[in-house]
């Protein structure tokens, strides 16, 4: 008798096979379902692809992280290679602790530049990404800050100490060019904000401070205080102000102070209208004037920059908000700060434009 002709006995193995298949299917599905529920780590952006850009397998970094980078927090990823001569630090989430003065990317950009010990342009409110290339003490650096699709900000910093051996250094240089190209590509759409002679002078005067550029204004932090620069919509002077310092008279300054007092009747004048000293003693630079006053909780400092001939006057106003409960002494300290910032702006104008 053939087994193929005996249908009844064949039914039991068939049922057993179905049960086994069900069990195996269940066993196989469970891991796949669990894997589907496990969130996958986000892939690193091209500018932080260490192996791809360096051409080397990553290794652990032997030295400590530069203390100057502490403001950015602990990096999400740190990689080294080339006998510790190349290092990459990647911050997936830049600290989102913006304040009332500057947004998070403005502070993050400043901290990145401070960590690189490199002069950087002010952060622009229109940027979604920006990069910087620099050299410090023989070390090449490439850094970038950008906004991801989810609205969070990320940053990366590459450092390279070139090898002493020519062949090795040339090989390293080829890969370093890939790094700098990735940074440039990331920041390709970051256009410089509109500028002017006054904003260029402010850029010089505020170097090294956390700052933000807007189309015709700027904000920055000095001595812990938030300062705002206004360059448009400032009232015109009704009195002629001479360009030559030799032609400046006390009567002119007194008459200008009277005009200001009439324009701002509720102001408390902490620094009356006065001539700003030249950047260098005895310099034949154009005359510049400043005044500082308080209206309620707002302190204002204004700078008048005279131009030669019939060029007119360039005006800049720096404002700062005081806490309502701040004392008169605090207001005087803030007024002194505004006066220093106005003087620094006046001197930067002289150095750049005169």
C-alpha atoms as a PDB file:
ATOM      1  CA  UNK A   1       0.000   0.000   0.000  1.00  0.00           C
ATOM      2  CA  UNK A   2       1.292   3.330  -1.001  1.00  0.00           C
ATOM      3  CA  UNK A   3       1.171   6.320   1.374  1.00  0.00           C
ATOM      4  CA  UNK A   4      -0.150   8.378  -1.457  1.00  0.00           C
ATOM      5  CA  UNK A   5      -3.259   6.301  -1.549  1.00  0.00           C
ATOM      6  CA  UNK A   6      -3.981   6.674   2.155  1.00  0.00           C
ATOM      7  CA  UNK A   7      -5.536  10.107   2.671  1.00  0.00           C
ATOM      8  CA  UNK A   8      -6.464   9.724   6.357  1.00  0.00           C
ATOM      9  CA  UNK A   9      -2.993   9.096   7.753  1.00  0.00           C
ATOM     10  CA  UNK A  10      -1.651  12.027   5.695  1.00  0.00           C
ATOM     11  CA  UNK A  11      -3.999  14.511   7.389  1.00  0.00           C
ATOM     12  CA  UNK A  12      -2.151  14.482  10.742  1.00  0.00           C
ATOM     13  CA  UNK A  13       1.241  15.552   9.340  1.00  0.00           C
ATOM     14  CA  UNK A  14      -0.493  18.277   7.325  1.00  0.00           C
ATOM     15  CA  UNK A  15      -2.148  19.753  10.398  1.00  0.00           C
ATOM     16  CA  UNK A  16       1.125  19.580  12.300  1.00  0.00           C
ATOM     17  CA  UNK A  17       2.874  21.470   9.523  1.00  0.00           C
ATOM     18  CA  UNK A  18       0.270  24.219   9.631  1.00  0.00           C
ATOM     19  CA  UNK A  19       0.752  24.650  13.382  1.00  0.00           C
ATOM     20  CA  UNK A  20       4.524  24.818  12.988  1.00  0.00           C
ATOM     21  CA  UNK A  21       4.247  27.339  10.193  1.00  0.00           C
ATOM     22  CA  UNK A  22       2.001  29.500  12.362  1.00  0.00           C
ATOM     23  CA  UNK A  23       4.438  29.380  15.240  1.00  0.00           C
ATOM     24  CA  UNK A  24       7.363  30.192  13.006  1.00  0.00           C
ATOM     25  CA  UNK A  25       5.458  33.062  11.417  1.00  0.00           C
ATOM     26  CA  UNK A  26       4.629  34.439  14.827  1.00  0.00           C
ATOM     27  CA  UNK A  27       8.226  34.168  15.909  1.00  0.00           C
ATOM     28  CA  UNK A  28       9.375  35.952  12.739  1.00  0.00           C
ATOM     29  CA  UNK A  29       6.785  38.720  12.875  1.00  0.00           C
ATOM     30  CA  UNK A  30       7.459  39.722  16.452  1.00  0.00           C
ATOM     31  CA  UNK A  31      11.045  40.856  15.917  1.00  0.00           C
ATOM     32  CA  UNK A  32      10.069  42.649  12.714  1.00  0.00           C
ATOM     33  CA  UNK A  33       7.218  44.465  14.469  1.00  0.00           C
ATOM     34  CA  UNK A  34       9.518  45.383  17.351  1.00  0.00           C
ATOM     35  CA  UNK A  35      12.115  46.641  14.918  1.00  0.00           C
ATOM     36  CA  UNK A  36       9.470  48.737  13.191  1.00  0.00           C
ATOM     37  CA  UNK A  37       8.527  50.290  16.530  1.00  0.00           C
ATOM     38  CA  UNK A  38      12.173  51.086  17.458  1.00  0.00           C
ATOM     39  CA  UNK A  39      13.034  54.652  16.367  1.00  0.00           C
ATOM     40  CA  UNK A  40      15.976  54.782  14.009  1.00  0.00           C
ATOM     41  CA  UNK A  41      18.809  57.222  14.698  1.00  0.00           C
ATOM     42  CA  UNK A  42      18.720  60.164  12.308  1.00  0.00           C
ATOM     43  CA  UNK A  43      21.457  59.913   9.665  1.00  0.00           C
ATOM     44  CA  UNK A  44      24.296  62.388  10.034  1.00  0.00           C
ATOM     45  CA  UNK A  45      24.202  65.304   7.592  1.00  0.00           C
ATOM     46  CA  UNK A  46      26.842  65.273   4.828  1.00  0.00           C
ATOM     47  CA  UNK A  47      28.924  67.942   6.578  1.00  0.00           C
ATOM     48  CA  UNK A  48      29.212  65.642   9.619  1.00  0.00           C
ATOM     49  CA  UNK A  49      29.954  62.427   7.682  1.00  0.00           C
ATOM     50  CA  UNK A  50      33.311  61.772   9.298  1.00  0.00           C
ATOM     51  CA  UNK A  51      34.329  58.633   7.397  1.00  0.00           C
ATOM     52  CA  UNK A  52      33.134  59.984   4.057  1.00  0.00           C
ATOM     53  CA  UNK A  53      34.945  63.321   4.343  1.00  0.00           C
ATOM     54  CA  UNK A  54      38.089  62.214   6.161  1.00  0.00           C
ATOM     55  CA  UNK A  55      38.528  58.992   4.191  1.00  0.00           C
ATOM     56  CA  UNK A  56      39.334  57.179   7.426  1.00  0.00           C
ATOM     57  CA  UNK A  57      37.652  54.997   9.996  1.00  0.00           C
ATOM     58  CA  UNK A  58      36.878  57.019  13.127  1.00  0.00           C
ATOM     59  CA  UNK A  59      38.706  56.414  16.368  1.00  0.00           C
ATOM     60  CA  UNK A  60      38.268  57.791  19.859  1.00  0.00           C
ATOM     61  CA  UNK A  61      39.867  61.147  20.613  1.00  0.00           C
ATOM     62  CA  UNK A  62      42.671  61.037  23.172  1.00  0.00           C
ATOM     63  CA  UNK A  63      42.618  64.660  24.300  1.00  0.00           C
ATOM     64  CA  UNK A  64      39.937  66.591  26.194  1.00  0.00           C
ATOM     65  CA  UNK A  65      37.407  68.806  24.437  1.00  0.00           C
ATOM     66  CA  UNK A  66      38.534  72.404  24.106  1.00  0.00           C
ATOM     67  CA  UNK A  67      37.069  74.294  27.118  1.00  0.00           C
ATOM     68  CA  UNK A  68      36.246  77.215  24.818  1.00  0.00           C
ATOM     69  CA  UNK A  69      33.457  75.073  23.318  1.00  0.00           C
ATOM     70  CA  UNK A  70      31.602  74.518  26.584  1.00  0.00           C
ATOM     71  CA  UNK A  71      28.975  77.088  25.644  1.00  0.00           C
ATOM     72  CA  UNK A  72      27.651  74.686  22.990  1.00  0.00           C
ATOM     73  CA  UNK A  73      27.244  71.875  25.493  1.00  0.00           C
ATOM     74  CA  UNK A  74      28.495  68.309  25.105  1.00  0.00           C
ATOM     75  CA  UNK A  75      28.769  67.253  21.446  1.00  0.00           C
ATOM     76  CA  UNK A  76      26.521  64.433  20.232  1.00  0.00           C
ATOM     77  CA  UNK A  77      29.404  62.956  18.258  1.00  0.00           C
ATOM     78  CA  UNK A  78      33.155  63.345  18.495  1.00  0.00           C
ATOM     79  CA  UNK A  79      35.523  61.610  16.097  1.00  0.00           C
ATOM     80  CA  UNK A  80      39.276  61.687  15.460  1.00  0.00           C
ATOM     81  CA  UNK A  81      41.657  60.149  12.922  1.00  0.00           C
ATOM     82  CA  UNK A  82      44.946  60.775  11.125  1.00  0.00           C
ATOM     83  CA  UNK A  83      46.914  60.045  14.327  1.00  0.00           C
ATOM     84  CA  UNK A  84      44.718  62.554  16.224  1.00  0.00           C
ATOM     85  CA  UNK A  85      45.429  65.292  13.665  1.00  0.00           C
ATOM     86  CA  UNK A  86      41.827  65.642  12.509  1.00  0.00           C
ATOM     87  CA  UNK A  87      38.866  66.067  14.845  1.00  0.00           C
ATOM     88  CA  UNK A  88      35.150  66.505  14.260  1.00  0.00           C
ATOM     89  CA  UNK A  89      32.611  67.613  16.836  1.00  0.00           C
ATOM     90  CA  UNK A  90      28.903  67.486  15.966  1.00  0.00           C
ATOM     91  CA  UNK A  91      26.100  68.987  18.046  1.00  0.00           C
ATOM     92  CA  UNK A  92      22.798  67.549  16.893  1.00  0.00           C
ATOM     93  CA  UNK A  93      20.869  70.062  18.995  1.00  0.00           C
ATOM     94  CA  UNK A  94      22.446  73.420  19.724  1.00  0.00           C
ATOM     95  CA  UNK A  95      21.213  74.692  23.117  1.00  0.00           C
ATOM     96  CA  UNK A  96      17.869  76.351  22.402  1.00  0.00           C
ATOM     97  CA  UNK A  97      18.289  78.820  25.245  1.00  0.00           C
ATOM     98  CA  UNK A  98      17.698  82.046  23.406  1.00  0.00           C
ATOM     99  CA  UNK A  99      17.039  85.113  25.509  1.00  0.00           C
ATOM    100  CA  UNK A 100      15.046  88.308  25.196  1.00  0.00           C
ATOM    101  CA  UNK A 101      17.914  89.897  23.267  1.00  0.00           C
ATOM    102  CA  UNK A 102      19.172  87.294  20.821  1.00  0.00           C
ATOM    103  CA  UNK A 103      17.619  84.115  19.359  1.00  0.00           C
ATOM    104  CA  UNK A 104      19.193  80.708  19.877  1.00  0.00           C
ATOM    105  CA  UNK A 105      21.127  80.644  16.552  1.00  0.00           C
ATOM    106  CA  UNK A 106      22.607  84.074  17.288  1.00  0.00           C
ATOM    107  CA  UNK A 107      23.974  82.845  20.608  1.00  0.00           C
ATOM    108  CA  UNK A 108      25.016  79.496  19.123  1.00  0.00           C
ATOM    109  CA  UNK A 109      26.885  81.230  16.295  1.00  0.00           C
ATOM    110  CA  UNK A 110      28.743  83.416  18.778  1.00  0.00           C
ATOM    111  CA  UNK A 111      29.683  80.402  20.907  1.00  0.00           C
ATOM    112  CA  UNK A 112      30.929  78.522  17.845  1.00  0.00           C
ATOM    113  CA  UNK A 113      33.078  81.484  16.818  1.00  0.00           C
ATOM    114  CA  UNK A 114      34.378  81.900  20.365  1.00  0.00           C
ATOM    115  CA  UNK A 115      35.287  78.216  20.473  1.00  0.00           C
ATOM    116  CA  UNK A 116      37.175  78.623  17.203  1.00  0.00           C
ATOM    117  CA  UNK A 117      38.813  81.813  18.513  1.00  0.00           C
ATOM    118  CA  UNK A 118      38.007  83.325  15.154  1.00  0.00           C
ATOM    119  CA  UNK A 119      36.372  86.629  14.204  1.00  0.00           C
ATOM    120  CA  UNK A 120      32.965  85.965  12.690  1.00  0.00           C
ATOM    121  CA  UNK A 121      30.301  88.126  11.101  1.00  0.00           C
ATOM    122  CA  UNK A 122      27.191  88.937  13.153  1.00  0.00           C
ATOM    123  CA  UNK A 123      24.413  86.384  12.793  1.00  0.00           C
ATOM    124  CA  UNK A 124      21.768  87.536  10.322  1.00  0.00           C
ATOM    125  CA  UNK A 125      18.088  87.123  11.124  1.00  0.00           C
ATOM    126  CA  UNK A 126      17.568  85.942   7.528  1.00  0.00           C
ATOM    127  CA  UNK A 127      20.023  83.033   7.677  1.00  0.00           C
ATOM    128  CA  UNK A 128      19.044  79.387   7.964  1.00  0.00           C
ATOM    129  CA  UNK A 129      22.680  78.240   7.719  1.00  0.00           C
ATOM    130  CA  UNK A 130      26.154  79.734   7.814  1.00  0.00           C
ATOM    131  CA  UNK A 131      29.733  78.500   7.848  1.00  0.00           C
ATOM    132  CA  UNK A 132      33.164  79.808   8.752  1.00  0.00           C
ATOM    133  CA  UNK A 133      36.697  78.791   7.775  1.00  0.00           C
ATOM    134  CA  UNK A 134      39.699  79.926   9.780  1.00  0.00           C
ATOM    135  CA  UNK A 135      43.242  79.127  10.858  1.00  0.00           C
ATOM    136  CA  UNK A 136      44.395  79.406  14.456  1.00  0.00           C
ATOM    137  CA  UNK A 137      47.908  78.556  15.634  1.00  0.00           C
ATOM    138  CA  UNK A 138      48.621  76.418  12.576  1.00  0.00           C
ATOM    139  CA  UNK A 139      45.330  74.503  12.952  1.00  0.00           C
ATOM    140  CA  UNK A 140      42.819  74.663  10.105  1.00  0.00           C
ATOM    141  CA  UNK A 141      39.184  74.972  11.197  1.00  0.00           C
ATOM    142  CA  UNK A 142      35.820  74.645   9.471  1.00  0.00           C
ATOM    143  CA  UNK A 143      32.575  75.250  11.341  1.00  0.00           C
ATOM    144  CA  UNK A 144      28.907  75.522  10.454  1.00  0.00           C
ATOM    145  CA  UNK A 145      25.522  76.147  12.066  1.00  0.00           C
ATOM    146  CA  UNK A 146      22.228  75.298  10.354  1.00  0.00           C
ATOM    147  CA  UNK A 147      18.514  74.777  10.919  1.00  0.00           C
ATOM    148  CA  UNK A 148      17.204  71.296  10.305  1.00  0.00           C
ATOM    149  CA  UNK A 149      13.875  70.409   8.700  1.00  0.00           C
ATOM    150  CA  UNK A 150      12.321  69.960  12.156  1.00  0.00           C
ATOM    151  CA  UNK A 151      13.253  73.522  13.154  1.00  0.00           C
ATOM    152  CA  UNK A 152      16.067  72.550  15.521  1.00  0.00           C
ATOM    153  CA  UNK A 153      19.589  73.906  15.077  1.00  0.00           C
ATOM    154  CA  UNK A 154      22.734  71.817  14.650  1.00  0.00           C
ATOM    155  CA  UNK A 155      26.431  72.674  14.506  1.00  0.00           C
ATOM    156  CA  UNK A 156      29.677  71.022  13.455  1.00  0.00           C
ATOM    157  CA  UNK A 157      33.334  71.898  13.922  1.00  0.00           C
ATOM    158  CA  UNK A 158      36.278  70.312  12.109  1.00  0.00           C
ATOM    159  CA  UNK A 159      39.909  70.853  13.100  1.00  0.00           C
ATOM    160  CA  UNK A 160      43.026  69.708  11.255  1.00  0.00           C
ATOM    161  CA  UNK A 161      46.660  69.932  12.293  1.00  0.00           C
ATOM    162  CA  UNK A 162      48.627  69.234   9.075  1.00  0.00           C
ATOM    163  CA  UNK A 163      51.263  66.512   9.160  1.00  0.00           C
ATOM    164  CA  UNK A 164      54.959  67.389   9.044  1.00  0.00           C
ATOM    165  CA  UNK A 165      55.463  64.858   6.259  1.00  0.00           C
ATOM    166  CA  UNK A 166      54.871  66.285   2.788  1.00  0.00           C
ATOM    167  CA  UNK A 167      53.202  63.224   1.217  1.00  0.00           C
ATOM    168  CA  UNK A 168      50.954  62.666   4.217  1.00  0.00           C
ATOM    169  CA  UNK A 169      50.067  66.360   4.404  1.00  0.00           C
ATOM    170  CA  UNK A 170      49.109  66.437   0.730  1.00  0.00           C
ATOM    171  CA  UNK A 171      46.869  63.383   1.205  1.00  0.00           C
ATOM    172  CA  UNK A 172      45.247  65.027   4.211  1.00  0.00           C
ATOM    173  CA  UNK A 173      44.780  68.274   2.263  1.00  0.00           C
ATOM    174  CA  UNK A 174      42.799  66.460  -0.419  1.00  0.00           C
ATOM    175  CA  UNK A 175      40.293  65.278   2.183  1.00  0.00           C
ATOM    176  CA  UNK A 176      40.304  68.619   4.012  1.00  0.00           C
ATOM    177  CA  UNK A 177      39.186  70.255   0.773  1.00  0.00           C
ATOM    178  CA  UNK A 178      36.163  67.936   0.880  1.00  0.00           C
ATOM    179  CA  UNK A 179      35.402  69.214   4.386  1.00  0.00           C
ATOM    180  CA  UNK A 180      35.616  72.876   3.405  1.00  0.00           C
ATOM    181  CA  UNK A 181      33.532  72.234   0.292  1.00  0.00           C
ATOM    182  CA  UNK A 182      30.808  70.632   2.429  1.00  0.00           C
ATOM    183  CA  UNK A 183      30.775  73.695   4.696  1.00  0.00           C
ATOM    184  CA  UNK A 184      30.611  76.063   1.734  1.00  0.00           C
ATOM    185  CA  UNK A 185      27.811  74.106   0.142  1.00  0.00           C
ATOM    186  CA  UNK A 186      25.788  74.144   3.362  1.00  0.00           C
ATOM    187  CA  UNK A 187      26.103  77.929   3.603  1.00  0.00           C
ATOM    188  CA  UNK A 188      25.683  78.615  -0.119  1.00  0.00           C
ATOM    189  CA  UNK A 189      22.372  80.453   0.350  1.00  0.00           C
ATOM    190  CA  UNK A 190      23.544  82.657   3.237  1.00  0.00           C
ATOM    191  CA  UNK A 191      23.625  86.118   1.729  1.00  0.00           C
ATOM    192  CA  UNK A 192      25.254  89.016   3.548  1.00  0.00           C
ATOM    193  CA  UNK A 193      22.625  91.381   4.992  1.00  0.00           C
ATOM    194  CA  UNK A 194      22.377  94.913   3.579  1.00  0.00           C
ATOM    195  CA  UNK A 195      25.126  97.137   4.917  1.00  0.00           C
ATOM    196  CA  UNK A 196      26.019 100.808   5.144  1.00  0.00           C
ATOM    197  CA  UNK A 197      29.051 102.813   6.276  1.00  0.00           C
ATOM    198  CA  UNK A 198      27.539 103.112   9.752  1.00  0.00           C
ATOM    199  CA  UNK A 199      26.729  99.402  10.067  1.00  0.00           C
ATOM    200  CA  UNK A 200      30.226  98.555   8.831  1.00  0.00           C
ATOM    201  CA  UNK A 201      31.662 100.728  11.606  1.00  0.00           C
ATOM    202  CA  UNK A 202      29.344  99.052  14.136  1.00  0.00           C
ATOM    203  CA  UNK A 203      30.583  95.673  12.911  1.00  0.00           C
ATOM    204  CA  UNK A 204      34.133  96.760  13.778  1.00  0.00           C
ATOM    205  CA  UNK A 205      33.160  98.235  17.152  1.00  0.00           C
ATOM    206  CA  UNK A 206      31.129  95.209  18.322  1.00  0.00           C
ATOM    207  CA  UNK A 207      33.526  92.443  17.242  1.00  0.00           C
ATOM    208  CA  UNK A 208      33.712  89.592  19.742  1.00  0.00           C
ATOM    209  CA  UNK A 209      30.276  90.181  21.274  1.00  0.00           C
ATOM    210  CA  UNK A 210      27.073  88.161  20.765  1.00  0.00           C
ATOM    211  CA  UNK A 211      25.192  90.073  18.078  1.00  0.00           C
ATOM    212  CA  UNK A 212      22.437  89.967  15.476  1.00  0.00           C
ATOM    213  CA  UNK A 213      22.022  91.877  12.203  1.00  0.00           C
ATOM    214  CA  UNK A 214      18.645  92.943  10.879  1.00  0.00           C
ATOM    215  CA  UNK A 215      17.997  94.858   7.631  1.00  0.00           C
ATOM    216  CA  UNK A 216      18.641  98.365   9.006  1.00  0.00           C
ATOM    217  CA  UNK A 217      19.293  97.651  12.684  1.00  0.00           C
ATOM    218  CA  UNK A 218      21.349  95.473  14.992  1.00  0.00           C
ATOM    219  CA  UNK A 219      21.274  93.984  18.488  1.00  0.00           C
ATOM    220  CA  UNK A 220      24.090  92.806  20.693  1.00  0.00           C
ATOM    221  CA  UNK A 221      25.017  92.003  24.286  1.00  0.00           C
ATOM    222  CA  UNK A 222      27.613  94.040  26.153  1.00  0.00           C
ATOM    223  CA  UNK A 223      28.389  93.549  29.843  1.00  0.00           C
ATOM    224  CA  UNK A 224      25.247  91.442  30.119  1.00  0.00           C
ATOM    225  CA  UNK A 225      23.004  94.221  28.786  1.00  0.00           C
ATOM    226  CA  UNK A 226      20.941  93.996  25.597  1.00  0.00           C
ATOM    227  CA  UNK A 227      21.606  96.914  23.243  1.00  0.00           C
ATOM    228  CA  UNK A 228      19.780  97.813  20.044  1.00  0.00           C
ATOM    229  CA  UNK A 229      21.144 100.000  17.244  1.00  0.00           C
ATOM    230  CA  UNK A 230      18.731 102.058  15.156  1.00  0.00           C
ATOM    231  CA  UNK A 231      19.945 103.769  12.003  1.00  0.00           C
ATOM    232  CA  UNK A 232      16.704 104.933  10.377  1.00  0.00           C
ATOM    233  CA  UNK A 233      13.811 107.157  11.397  1.00  0.00           C
ATOM    234  CA  UNK A 234      15.867 109.407  13.661  1.00  0.00           C
ATOM    235  CA  UNK A 235      14.899 113.083  13.744  1.00  0.00           C
ATOM    236  CA  UNK A 236      17.012 115.639  11.921  1.00  0.00           C
ATOM    237  CA  UNK A 237      19.123 118.266  13.692  1.00  0.00           C
ATOM    238  CA  UNK A 238      17.848 121.815  13.225  1.00  0.00           C
ATOM    239  CA  UNK A 239      21.181 123.413  14.017  1.00  0.00           C
ATOM    240  CA  UNK A 240      24.270 123.257  11.861  1.00  0.00           C
ATOM    241  CA  UNK A 241      27.013 121.132  13.410  1.00  0.00           C
ATOM    242  CA  UNK A 242      30.517 121.903  12.089  1.00  0.00           C
ATOM    243  CA  UNK A 243      32.725 119.168  10.675  1.00  0.00           C
ATOM    244  CA  UNK A 244      35.983 120.665  11.906  1.00  0.00           C
ATOM    245  CA  UNK A 245      36.670 120.264  15.607  1.00  0.00           C
ATOM    246  CA  UNK A 246      38.253 123.711  15.573  1.00  0.00           C
ATOM    247  CA  UNK A 247      34.886 125.243  14.710  1.00  0.00           C
ATOM    248  CA  UNK A 248      32.947 123.612  17.545  1.00  0.00           C
ATOM    249  CA  UNK A 249      31.697 126.151  20.112  1.00  0.00           C
ATOM    250  CA  UNK A 250      30.079 125.806  23.508  1.00  0.00           C
ATOM    251  CA  UNK A 251      27.123 127.901  22.385  1.00  0.00           C
ATOM    252  CA  UNK A 252      26.345 125.372  19.662  1.00  0.00           C
ATOM    253  CA  UNK A 253      26.345 122.486  22.105  1.00  0.00           C
ATOM    254  CA  UNK A 254      24.166 124.408  24.548  1.00  0.00           C
ATOM    255  CA  UNK A 255      21.674 125.328  21.811  1.00  0.00           C
ATOM    256  CA  UNK A 256      21.517 121.703  20.671  1.00  0.00           C
ATOM    257  CA  UNK A 257      20.862 120.528  24.219  1.00  0.00           C
ATOM    258  CA  UNK A 258      17.968 122.990  24.486  1.00  0.00           C
ATOM    259  CA  UNK A 259      16.481 121.578  21.297  1.00  0.00           C
ATOM    260  CA  UNK A 260      16.806 118.027  22.575  1.00  0.00           C
ATOM    261  CA  UNK A 261      15.173 118.947  25.886  1.00  0.00           C
ATOM    262  CA  UNK A 262      12.209 120.400  24.007  1.00  0.00           C
ATOM    263  CA  UNK A 263      11.915 117.336  21.802  1.00  0.00           C
ATOM    264  CA  UNK A 264      12.019 114.954  24.779  1.00  0.00           C
ATOM    265  CA  UNK A 265      10.378 116.856  27.633  1.00  0.00           C
ATOM    266  CA  UNK A 266      10.126 113.777  29.888  1.00  0.00           C
ATOM    267  CA  UNK A 267      13.779 112.798  29.510  1.00  0.00           C
ATOM    268  CA  UNK A 268      16.255 112.562  32.343  1.00  0.00           C
ATOM    269  CA  UNK A 269      19.576 113.673  30.797  1.00  0.00           C
ATOM    270  CA  UNK A 270      22.348 111.438  32.071  1.00  0.00           C
ATOM    271  CA  UNK A 271      24.917 112.705  29.546  1.00  0.00           C
ATOM    272  CA  UNK A 272      24.132 116.075  27.919  1.00  0.00           C
ATOM    273  CA  UNK A 273      24.974 116.797  24.294  1.00  0.00           C
ATOM    274  CA  UNK A 274      28.776 116.837  24.092  1.00  0.00           C
ATOM    275  CA  UNK A 275      31.714 116.495  21.711  1.00  0.00           C
ATOM    276  CA  UNK A 276      33.218 112.991  21.483  1.00  0.00           C
ATOM    277  CA  UNK A 277      36.978 112.844  21.864  1.00  0.00           C
ATOM    278  CA  UNK A 278      38.938 111.796  18.784  1.00  0.00           C
ATOM    279  CA  UNK A 279      40.194 108.223  18.514  1.00  0.00           C
ATOM    280  CA  UNK A 280      43.780 109.480  18.623  1.00  0.00           C
ATOM    281  CA  UNK A 281      44.699 112.629  20.616  1.00  0.00           C
ATOM    282  CA  UNK A 282      45.173 115.579  18.290  1.00  0.00           C
ATOM    283  CA  UNK A 283      43.752 113.761  15.257  1.00  0.00           C
ATOM    284  CA  UNK A 284      42.201 116.007  12.607  1.00  0.00           C
ATOM    285  CA  UNK A 285      39.095 113.863  12.357  1.00  0.00           C
ATOM    286  CA  UNK A 286      35.583 115.124  11.881  1.00  0.00           C
ATOM    287  CA  UNK A 287      33.559 116.190  14.891  1.00  0.00           C
ATOM    288  CA  UNK A 288      31.139 113.768  16.494  1.00  0.00           C
ATOM    289  CA  UNK A 289      28.650 114.393  19.283  1.00  0.00           C
ATOM    290  CA  UNK A 290      26.730 112.203  21.688  1.00  0.00           C
ATOM    291  CA  UNK A 291      24.030 112.391  24.346  1.00  0.00           C
ATOM    292  CA  UNK A 292      22.406 109.862  26.696  1.00  0.00           C
ATOM    293  CA  UNK A 293      18.983 110.187  28.284  1.00  0.00           C
ATOM    294  CA  UNK A 294      16.379 108.128  30.085  1.00  0.00           C
ATOM    295  CA  UNK A 295      12.644 108.001  29.476  1.00  0.00           C
ATOM    296  CA  UNK A 296      10.974 105.681  31.933  1.00  0.00           C
ATOM    297  CA  UNK A 297      12.626 102.288  31.692  1.00  0.00           C
ATOM    298  CA  UNK A 298      14.315 102.988  28.352  1.00  0.00           C
ATOM    299  CA  UNK A 299      17.810 104.433  28.021  1.00  0.00           C
ATOM    300  CA  UNK A 300      18.765 106.063  24.733  1.00  0.00           C
ATOM    301  CA  UNK A 301      22.164 107.133  23.503  1.00  0.00           C
ATOM    302  CA  UNK A 302      22.564 108.992  20.240  1.00  0.00           C
ATOM    303  CA  UNK A 303      25.585 109.719  18.078  1.00  0.00           C
ATOM    304  CA  UNK A 304      25.860 112.519  15.529  1.00  0.00           C
ATOM    305  CA  UNK A 305      28.644 112.064  12.952  1.00  0.00           C
ATOM    306  CA  UNK A 306      29.344 115.128  10.823  1.00  0.00           C
ATOM    307  CA  UNK A 307      30.438 114.709   7.204  1.00  0.00           C
ATOM    308  CA  UNK A 308      32.749 117.059   5.280  1.00  0.00           C
ATOM    309  CA  UNK A 309      31.364 119.746   3.007  1.00  0.00           C
ATOM    310  CA  UNK A 310      27.635 119.540   2.526  1.00  0.00           C
ATOM    311  CA  UNK A 311      27.541 115.839   3.301  1.00  0.00           C
ATOM    312  CA  UNK A 312      25.238 116.332   6.262  1.00  0.00           C
ATOM    313  CA  UNK A 313      25.095 114.208   9.402  1.00  0.00           C
ATOM    314  CA  UNK A 314      24.946 110.455  10.041  1.00  0.00           C
ATOM    315  CA  UNK A 315      22.886 109.499  13.093  1.00  0.00           C
ATOM    316  CA  UNK A 316      22.852 106.357  15.181  1.00  0.00           C
ATOM    317  CA  UNK A 317      20.824 105.575  18.284  1.00  0.00           C
ATOM    318  CA  UNK A 318      21.561 102.866  20.833  1.00  0.00           C
ATOM    319  CA  UNK A 319      18.707 101.869  23.158  1.00  0.00           C
ATOM    320  CA  UNK A 320      18.535  99.577  26.162  1.00  0.00           C
ATOM    321  CA  UNK A 321      15.660  98.489  28.374  1.00  0.00           C
ATOM    322  CA  UNK A 322      16.014  98.683  32.147  1.00  0.00           C
ATOM    323  CA  UNK A 323      14.103  96.473  34.523  1.00  0.00           C
ATOM    324  CA  UNK A 324      11.289  98.482  36.103  1.00  0.00           C
ATOM    325  CA  UNK A 325      12.711  98.008  39.584  1.00  0.00           C
ATOM    326  CA  UNK A 326      16.260  99.038  38.720  1.00  0.00           C
ATOM    327  CA  UNK A 327      17.704 101.838  40.829  1.00  0.00           C
ATOM    328  CA  UNK A 328      19.045 105.183  39.678  1.00  0.00           C
ATOM    329  CA  UNK A 329      22.540 103.828  40.245  1.00  0.00           C
ATOM    330  CA  UNK A 330      21.856 100.998  37.823  1.00  0.00           C
ATOM    331  CA  UNK A 331      20.590 103.534  35.294  1.00  0.00           C
ATOM    332  CA  UNK A 332      23.830 105.508  35.638  1.00  0.00           C
ATOM    333  CA  UNK A 333      25.876 102.365  35.086  1.00  0.00           C
ATOM    334  CA  UNK A 334      23.870 101.527  31.978  1.00  0.00           C
ATOM    335  CA  UNK A 335      24.235 105.103  30.748  1.00  0.00           C
ATOM    336  CA  UNK A 336      28.016 104.827  31.136  1.00  0.00           C
ATOM    337  CA  UNK A 337      27.889 101.610  29.096  1.00  0.00           C
ATOM    338  CA  UNK A 338      25.924 103.342  26.328  1.00  0.00           C
ATOM    339  CA  UNK A 339      28.424 106.171  26.333  1.00  0.00           C
ATOM    340  CA  UNK A 340      31.313 103.720  25.903  1.00  0.00           C
ATOM    341  CA  UNK A 341      29.511 101.978  23.048  1.00  0.00           C
ATOM    342  CA  UNK A 342      28.791 105.301  21.337  1.00  0.00           C
ATOM    343  CA  UNK A 343      32.431 106.312  21.679  1.00  0.00           C
ATOM    344  CA  UNK A 344      33.592 102.953  20.306  1.00  0.00           C
ATOM    345  CA  UNK A 345      31.250 103.413  17.325  1.00  0.00           C
ATOM    346  CA  UNK A 346      32.563 106.943  16.718  1.00  0.00           C
ATOM    347  CA  UNK A 347      36.169 105.755  16.808  1.00  0.00           C
ATOM    348  CA  UNK A 348      35.410 102.805  14.526  1.00  0.00           C
ATOM    349  CA  UNK A 349      33.897 105.263  12.043  1.00  0.00           C
ATOM    350  CA  UNK A 350      37.091 107.337  12.159  1.00  0.00           C
ATOM    351  CA  UNK A 351      39.336 104.321  11.632  1.00  0.00           C
ATOM    352  CA  UNK A 352      37.292 102.934   8.753  1.00  0.00           C
ATOM    353  CA  UNK A 353      36.016 106.025   6.937  1.00  0.00           C
ATOM    354  CA  UNK A 354      38.305 108.916   7.840  1.00  0.00           C
END
